[in-house]
Amino acid sequence: MTSPLSSSAPRPAATDPAPALRRRSLTQRLLANWSVRLGGGVLAILIAMAIAAPWLGTIDPTAMDPGSGNLLPGTQAEFITLAGDSFDHFFLMGSDSLGRDIWSRALFGARVSITVGISVALVALVFGMTVGMAAGYFRRLDTVVMRIMDGVMAIPGILFAISLVALFGGTLPTVIAAIAIPEIPRVGRLVRSVVLTIREEPYVEAAIALDTPTWKILLRHIMPNAVAPLIIQGTYVCASAILIEAILSFLGVGLPADMATWGNIMAEGRSQFNQYPHNVLFPGIFLVLTVLSVNILGDGLRDTLDPKFNKRGG
């Protein structure tokens, strides 16, 4: 005989965590990712320090006092400007051979590096998205546009940047353009691959059949699907741009030598690295922390926004 309990007792429904995960907002999913919290937190601190640099015990990053040259970190000394003014200053990270405060130059240099990184990422994403969408959606433009992009990618990025800076001078807009142009084809190829996939979806074909204007299809159906890969790619472009700017300045072919950038600070201190390693060490730490935090943030965004990673549980 069949037990009454076994026949009448309802079986508990299997709990599926997927709907609950889908109901979570994007902000909650981002904050739940430790890479986003760690990378974004460190990057936010660095940006806040760069913005608040004038109020963090700094002085003019270009001010020189040869009498205070090559001071060790943690030295309290009298700083005499070229105009004859003097004041006591605490050299938290020491000074370079010209008596310039490394702490002040590193913080103000963060402004330049972060500005370059964000600007290059925005320029590359905007132009790359435009090129990629045009090449992926309009079949007649695909071959011509992508061959041009392949030609740009064949030129080493660092050599292209050096050539452009040599032609137009080491100004901030020139450096941004010199670093951004080689990144445009990479972003364009990414967007093109996304567009080629989405273009064959039934809802896009239905929109075309209904004679929907092309600009509406691109803006409403295709662009939203390309936003997540673009954001992820933008973080890597930003990190790469910060490194390339530091390389150009270190080689003396980037921004002017008197401008406070991490590459310029390290270039100034490399000749005396054995005796005074702090001239290279501290700006190098700022550079590493910034690039590392941007890359970690990019990994977290990829794990959260990429559907493939979401299906695997991040």
Protein backbone atom coordinates (compact mmCIF):
# COMPACT_ATOMS: atom_id res chain seq x y z
CA MET A 1 0.00 0.00 0.00
CA THR A 2 1.08 3.50 -0.70
CA SER A 3 1.70 5.64 2.34
CA PRO A 4 -0.71 8.59 2.64
CA LEU A 5 2.14 10.85 3.46
CA SER A 6 4.03 9.90 0.36
CA SER A 7 1.05 10.44 -1.91
CA SER A 8 -0.40 13.60 -0.43
CA ALA A 9 2.63 15.54 0.76
CA PRO A 10 3.59 18.12 -1.88
CA ARG A 11 7.17 18.21 -2.98
CA PRO A 12 9.02 21.41 -2.22
CA ALA A 13 9.58 23.49 -5.31
CA ALA A 14 13.18 23.76 -6.43
CA THR A 15 14.57 27.17 -5.67
CA ASP A 16 16.15 28.89 -8.64
CA PRO A 17 18.47 31.75 -7.66
CA ALA A 18 18.60 33.08 -11.22
CA PRO A 19 15.41 35.22 -11.03
CA ALA A 20 16.61 36.80 -7.79
CA LEU A 21 19.92 37.60 -9.38
CA ARG A 22 18.20 39.11 -12.39
CA ARG A 23 16.07 41.29 -10.14
CA ARG A 24 19.14 42.80 -8.55
CA SER A 25 19.92 46.22 -9.87
CA LEU A 26 23.09 46.92 -11.79
CA THR A 27 24.43 49.04 -8.93
CA GLN A 28 23.93 46.20 -6.45
CA ARG A 29 25.69 43.74 -8.73
CA LEU A 30 28.59 46.13 -9.23
CA LEU A 31 28.97 46.78 -5.51
CA ALA A 32 28.84 43.04 -4.83
CA ASN A 33 31.94 42.51 -6.97
CA TRP A 34 35.13 42.85 -4.93
CA SER A 35 37.18 43.89 -7.98
CA VAL A 36 34.87 46.83 -8.61
CA ARG A 37 35.01 47.84 -4.94
CA LEU A 38 38.79 47.52 -4.69
CA GLY A 39 39.76 49.02 -8.03
CA GLY A 40 37.10 51.72 -7.92
CA GLY A 41 37.91 52.59 -4.31
CA VAL A 42 41.66 53.01 -4.91
CA LEU A 43 41.02 54.98 -8.10
CA ALA A 44 38.52 57.23 -6.32
CA ILE A 45 41.08 57.95 -3.58
CA LEU A 46 43.74 58.83 -6.16
CA ILE A 47 41.35 61.12 -8.04
CA ALA A 48 40.30 62.79 -4.79
CA MET A 49 43.96 63.35 -3.86
CA ALA A 50 44.66 64.85 -7.27
CA ILE A 51 41.71 67.22 -6.98
CA ALA A 52 42.57 68.21 -3.42
CA ALA A 53 46.32 68.50 -4.12
CA PRO A 54 46.59 72.23 -3.18
CA TRP A 55 45.28 71.45 0.32
CA LEU A 56 47.38 68.36 1.07
CA GLY A 57 50.59 70.03 2.23
CA THR A 58 51.89 70.78 -1.25
CA ILE A 59 53.67 73.75 -2.76
CA ASP A 60 54.09 74.94 -6.33
CA PRO A 61 55.32 71.79 -8.17
CA THR A 62 57.56 73.92 -10.40
CA ALA A 63 59.13 75.92 -7.52
CA MET A 64 62.87 75.28 -7.23
CA ASP A 65 65.39 75.77 -4.43
CA PRO A 66 68.86 74.43 -5.37
CA GLY A 67 69.82 74.60 -1.71
CA SER A 68 67.15 72.02 -0.90
CA GLY A 69 68.17 69.59 -3.61
CA ASN A 70 68.11 65.81 -3.10
CA LEU A 71 66.61 65.89 0.39
CA LEU A 72 65.61 62.53 1.80
CA PRO A 73 61.94 61.74 2.50
CA GLY A 74 60.67 63.11 5.80
CA THR A 75 63.08 66.07 5.92
CA GLN A 76 61.99 69.42 7.37
CA ALA A 77 63.94 72.25 5.72
CA GLU A 78 63.74 75.91 4.83
CA PHE A 79 62.59 76.44 1.25
CA ILE A 80 63.85 79.59 -0.47
CA THR A 81 62.13 80.49 -3.73
CA LEU A 82 63.88 82.16 -6.65
CA ALA A 83 62.04 85.35 -5.72
CA GLY A 84 63.74 85.32 -2.30
CA ASP A 85 60.74 84.24 -0.22
CA SER A 86 61.42 81.57 2.39
CA PHE A 87 59.30 79.23 4.50
CA ASP A 88 59.64 75.94 6.34
CA HIS A 89 58.42 72.94 4.41
CA PHE A 90 58.12 69.26 5.23
CA PHE A 91 59.41 67.18 2.31
CA LEU A 92 57.28 64.08 2.78
CA MET A 93 58.79 62.31 -0.26
CA GLY A 94 62.03 64.25 -0.44
CA SER A 95 63.16 66.54 -3.26
CA ASP A 96 64.84 66.20 -6.63
CA SER A 97 68.20 67.63 -7.73
CA LEU A 98 66.62 71.04 -8.40
CA GLY A 99 65.01 71.21 -4.98
CA ARG A 100 61.46 70.58 -6.19
CA ASP A 101 59.12 68.80 -3.78
CA ILE A 102 58.44 65.24 -4.98
CA TRP A 103 55.17 64.97 -3.02
CA SER A 104 53.81 68.12 -4.68
CA ARG A 105 54.95 67.05 -8.14
CA ALA A 106 53.51 63.55 -7.72
CA LEU A 107 50.08 64.81 -6.67
CA PHE A 108 49.86 67.43 -9.40
CA GLY A 109 51.24 64.87 -11.83
CA ALA A 110 48.26 62.67 -10.98
CA ARG A 111 46.03 65.35 -12.46
CA VAL A 112 47.86 65.16 -15.77
CA SER A 113 47.99 61.37 -15.95
CA ILE A 114 44.35 60.83 -14.98
CA THR A 115 43.23 63.57 -17.38
CA VAL A 116 45.17 61.95 -20.20
CA GLY A 117 43.80 58.50 -19.39
CA ILE A 118 40.15 59.57 -19.23
CA SER A 119 40.42 61.85 -22.26
CA VAL A 120 42.07 59.19 -24.42
CA ALA A 121 39.45 56.64 -23.38
CA LEU A 122 36.58 59.00 -24.26
CA VAL A 123 38.07 59.98 -27.64
CA ALA A 124 38.84 56.37 -28.56
CA LEU A 125 35.38 55.15 -27.50
CA VAL A 126 33.46 57.86 -29.34
CA PHE A 127 35.34 57.55 -32.63
CA GLY A 128 35.77 53.80 -32.33
CA MET A 129 32.04 53.31 -31.73
CA THR A 130 31.21 55.46 -34.74
CA VAL A 131 33.63 53.58 -37.01
CA GLY A 132 32.59 50.17 -35.68
CA MET A 133 28.87 50.80 -36.06
CA ALA A 134 29.31 52.12 -39.60
CA ALA A 135 31.50 49.19 -40.64
CA GLY A 136 29.30 46.57 -38.98
CA TYR A 137 25.91 47.82 -40.15
CA PHE A 138 26.64 49.14 -43.64
CA ARG A 139 28.10 46.27 -45.64
CA ARG A 140 29.45 48.51 -48.40
CA LEU A 141 31.58 50.46 -45.93
CA ASP A 142 32.87 47.43 -44.07
CA THR A 143 35.76 46.48 -46.35
CA VAL A 144 37.01 50.02 -46.94
CA VAL A 145 36.77 51.16 -43.32
CA MET A 146 38.32 48.04 -41.81
CA ARG A 147 41.24 48.09 -44.24
CA ILE A 148 41.96 51.66 -43.14
CA MET A 149 41.75 50.54 -39.51
CA ASP A 150 44.12 47.64 -40.25
CA GLY A 151 46.58 50.12 -41.72
CA VAL A 152 46.46 52.27 -38.59
CA MET A 153 46.92 49.20 -36.38
CA ALA A 154 50.01 48.22 -38.37
CA ILE A 155 51.81 51.32 -37.06
CA PRO A 156 53.29 50.80 -33.55
CA GLY A 157 51.38 53.04 -31.17
CA ILE A 158 54.42 54.39 -29.35
CA LEU A 159 56.17 55.31 -32.62
CA PHE A 160 53.04 57.00 -33.92
CA ALA A 161 52.76 59.02 -30.71
CA ILE A 162 56.42 60.07 -30.85
CA SER A 163 56.06 61.15 -34.48
CA LEU A 164 52.90 63.17 -33.85
CA VAL A 165 54.36 64.90 -30.79
CA ALA A 166 57.53 65.68 -32.74
CA LEU A 167 55.46 67.28 -35.52
CA PHE A 168 53.00 69.31 -33.45
CA GLY A 169 54.81 69.80 -30.15
CA GLY A 170 54.37 68.34 -26.69
CA THR A 171 51.08 69.96 -25.72
CA LEU A 172 48.40 68.16 -23.75
CA PRO A 173 45.88 67.98 -26.66
CA THR A 174 48.59 66.66 -28.98
CA VAL A 175 49.61 63.95 -26.52
CA ILE A 176 45.96 62.93 -26.04
CA ALA A 177 45.41 62.73 -29.80
CA ALA A 178 48.69 60.88 -30.35
CA ILE A 179 47.73 58.19 -27.84
CA ALA A 180 44.03 58.01 -28.78
CA ILE A 181 44.33 57.55 -32.56
CA PRO A 182 46.05 54.11 -32.41
CA GLU A 183 43.36 52.94 -29.96
CA ILE A 184 40.45 53.80 -32.26
CA PRO A 185 40.85 50.73 -34.56
CA ARG A 186 40.84 48.35 -31.57
CA VAL A 187 37.62 49.83 -30.25
CA GLY A 188 36.17 49.90 -33.75
CA ARG A 189 36.84 46.21 -34.33
CA LEU A 190 35.20 45.36 -31.01
CA VAL A 191 32.06 47.36 -31.84
CA ARG A 192 31.96 45.93 -35.36
CA SER A 193 31.93 42.37 -34.03
CA VAL A 194 29.04 43.23 -31.70
CA VAL A 195 27.09 44.92 -34.51
CA LEU A 196 27.61 41.98 -36.88
CA THR A 197 26.06 39.69 -34.27
CA ILE A 198 23.14 41.93 -33.33
CA ARG A 199 22.32 42.82 -36.94
CA GLU A 200 21.07 39.28 -37.56
CA GLU A 201 18.77 39.22 -34.52
CA PRO A 202 15.03 38.85 -35.24
CA TYR A 203 14.06 42.11 -33.54
CA VAL A 204 16.51 44.06 -35.74
CA GLU A 205 15.23 42.35 -38.86
CA ALA A 206 11.67 43.15 -37.76
CA ALA A 207 12.59 46.80 -37.30
CA ILE A 208 14.09 46.86 -40.79
CA ALA A 209 10.98 45.20 -42.22
CA LEU A 210 8.82 47.88 -40.59
CA ASP A 211 10.88 50.51 -42.39
CA THR A 212 12.29 51.93 -39.17
CA PRO A 213 14.82 54.73 -39.84
CA THR A 214 18.40 53.56 -39.73
CA TRP A 215 19.41 56.02 -37.02
CA LYS A 216 16.68 54.67 -34.73
CA ILE A 217 17.84 51.10 -35.27
CA LEU A 218 21.42 52.07 -34.46
CA LEU A 219 20.54 54.12 -31.39
CA ARG A 220 17.73 52.02 -29.90
CA HIS A 221 18.65 48.45 -30.78
CA ILE A 222 22.35 48.20 -31.56
CA MET A 223 24.10 50.83 -29.44
CA PRO A 224 22.65 49.69 -26.06
CA ASN A 225 24.05 46.20 -26.67
CA ALA A 226 27.51 47.65 -27.35
CA VAL A 227 27.66 49.83 -24.23
CA ALA A 228 28.85 47.14 -21.82
CA PRO A 229 31.81 45.97 -24.00
CA LEU A 230 32.70 49.61 -24.63
CA ILE A 231 32.83 50.44 -20.91
CA ILE A 232 35.05 47.44 -20.27
CA GLN A 233 37.33 48.29 -23.17
CA GLY A 234 37.45 51.91 -22.03
CA THR A 235 39.08 50.95 -18.73
CA TYR A 236 41.90 49.13 -20.50
CA VAL A 237 42.38 52.02 -22.93
CA CYS A 238 42.59 54.40 -19.96
CA ALA A 239 45.25 52.30 -18.22
CA SER A 240 47.24 51.93 -21.43
CA ALA A 241 47.07 55.70 -22.08
CA ILE A 242 48.43 56.50 -18.61
CA LEU A 243 51.37 54.16 -19.20
CA ILE A 244 52.11 55.51 -22.68
CA GLU A 245 52.02 59.11 -21.47
CA ALA A 246 54.50 58.21 -18.72
CA ILE A 247 56.74 56.48 -21.28
CA LEU A 248 56.68 59.48 -23.62
CA SER A 249 57.51 61.88 -20.80
CA PHE A 250 60.24 59.56 -19.50
CA LEU A 251 61.83 59.48 -22.95
CA GLY A 252 61.63 63.26 -23.20
CA VAL A 253 59.25 63.27 -26.17
CA GLY A 254 56.01 63.90 -24.31
CA LEU A 255 54.88 66.84 -22.25
CA PRO A 256 57.45 69.59 -21.46
CA ALA A 257 60.10 68.62 -18.90
CA ASP A 258 59.12 71.42 -16.52
CA MET A 259 55.56 70.12 -16.32
CA ALA A 260 54.81 67.89 -13.34
CA THR A 261 54.08 64.42 -14.71
CA TRP A 262 55.08 61.05 -13.33
CA GLY A 263 57.20 60.30 -16.39
CA ASN A 264 59.04 63.62 -16.12
CA ILE A 265 59.71 63.10 -12.40
CA MET A 266 61.19 59.65 -13.02
CA ALA A 267 63.21 60.93 -15.97
CA GLU A 268 64.68 63.66 -13.78
CA GLY A 269 65.67 61.20 -11.07
CA ARG A 270 67.02 58.32 -13.14
CA SER A 271 70.54 59.76 -13.37
CA GLN A 272 70.87 59.70 -9.56
CA PHE A 273 68.81 56.60 -8.90
CA ASN A 274 71.58 54.77 -7.04
CA GLN A 275 72.05 57.61 -4.53
CA TYR A 276 68.48 58.95 -4.36
CA PRO A 277 66.02 56.22 -5.41
CA HIS A 278 63.04 58.08 -3.93
CA ASN A 279 63.00 60.41 -6.96
CA VAL A 280 61.91 57.45 -9.11
CA LEU A 281 60.30 55.20 -6.50
CA PHE A 282 57.44 57.41 -5.33
CA PRO A 283 56.09 58.55 -8.72
CA GLY A 284 56.49 54.93 -9.84
CA ILE A 285 54.29 53.79 -6.95
CA PHE A 286 51.61 56.31 -7.94
CA LEU A 287 51.80 55.07 -11.54
CA VAL A 288 51.55 51.41 -10.58
CA LEU A 289 48.64 51.98 -8.19
CA THR A 290 46.70 53.96 -10.78
CA VAL A 291 47.18 51.50 -13.64
CA LEU A 292 46.56 48.52 -11.37
CA SER A 293 43.36 49.97 -9.92
CA VAL A 294 42.02 50.78 -13.41
CA ASN A 295 42.76 47.25 -14.61
CA ILE A 296 41.17 45.66 -11.54
CA LEU A 297 38.12 47.87 -12.04
CA GLY A 298 37.96 46.75 -15.67
CA ASP A 299 38.08 43.09 -14.62
CA GLY A 300 35.23 43.67 -12.18
CA LEU A 301 33.14 45.44 -14.81
CA ARG A 302 33.77 42.61 -17.25
CA ASP A 303 32.69 39.98 -14.71
CA THR A 304 29.53 41.95 -13.92
CA LEU A 305 28.46 43.25 -17.32
CA ASP A 306 29.54 40.44 -19.63
CA PRO A 307 26.64 37.95 -20.00
CA LYS A 308 29.07 35.07 -20.52
CA PHE A 309 30.61 35.66 -17.11
CA ASN A 310 27.17 36.15 -15.53
CA LYS A 311 26.07 32.74 -16.81
CA ARG A 312 29.12 31.14 -15.23
CA GLY A 313 28.37 32.91 -11.97
CA GLY A 314 31.12 35.59 -12.32
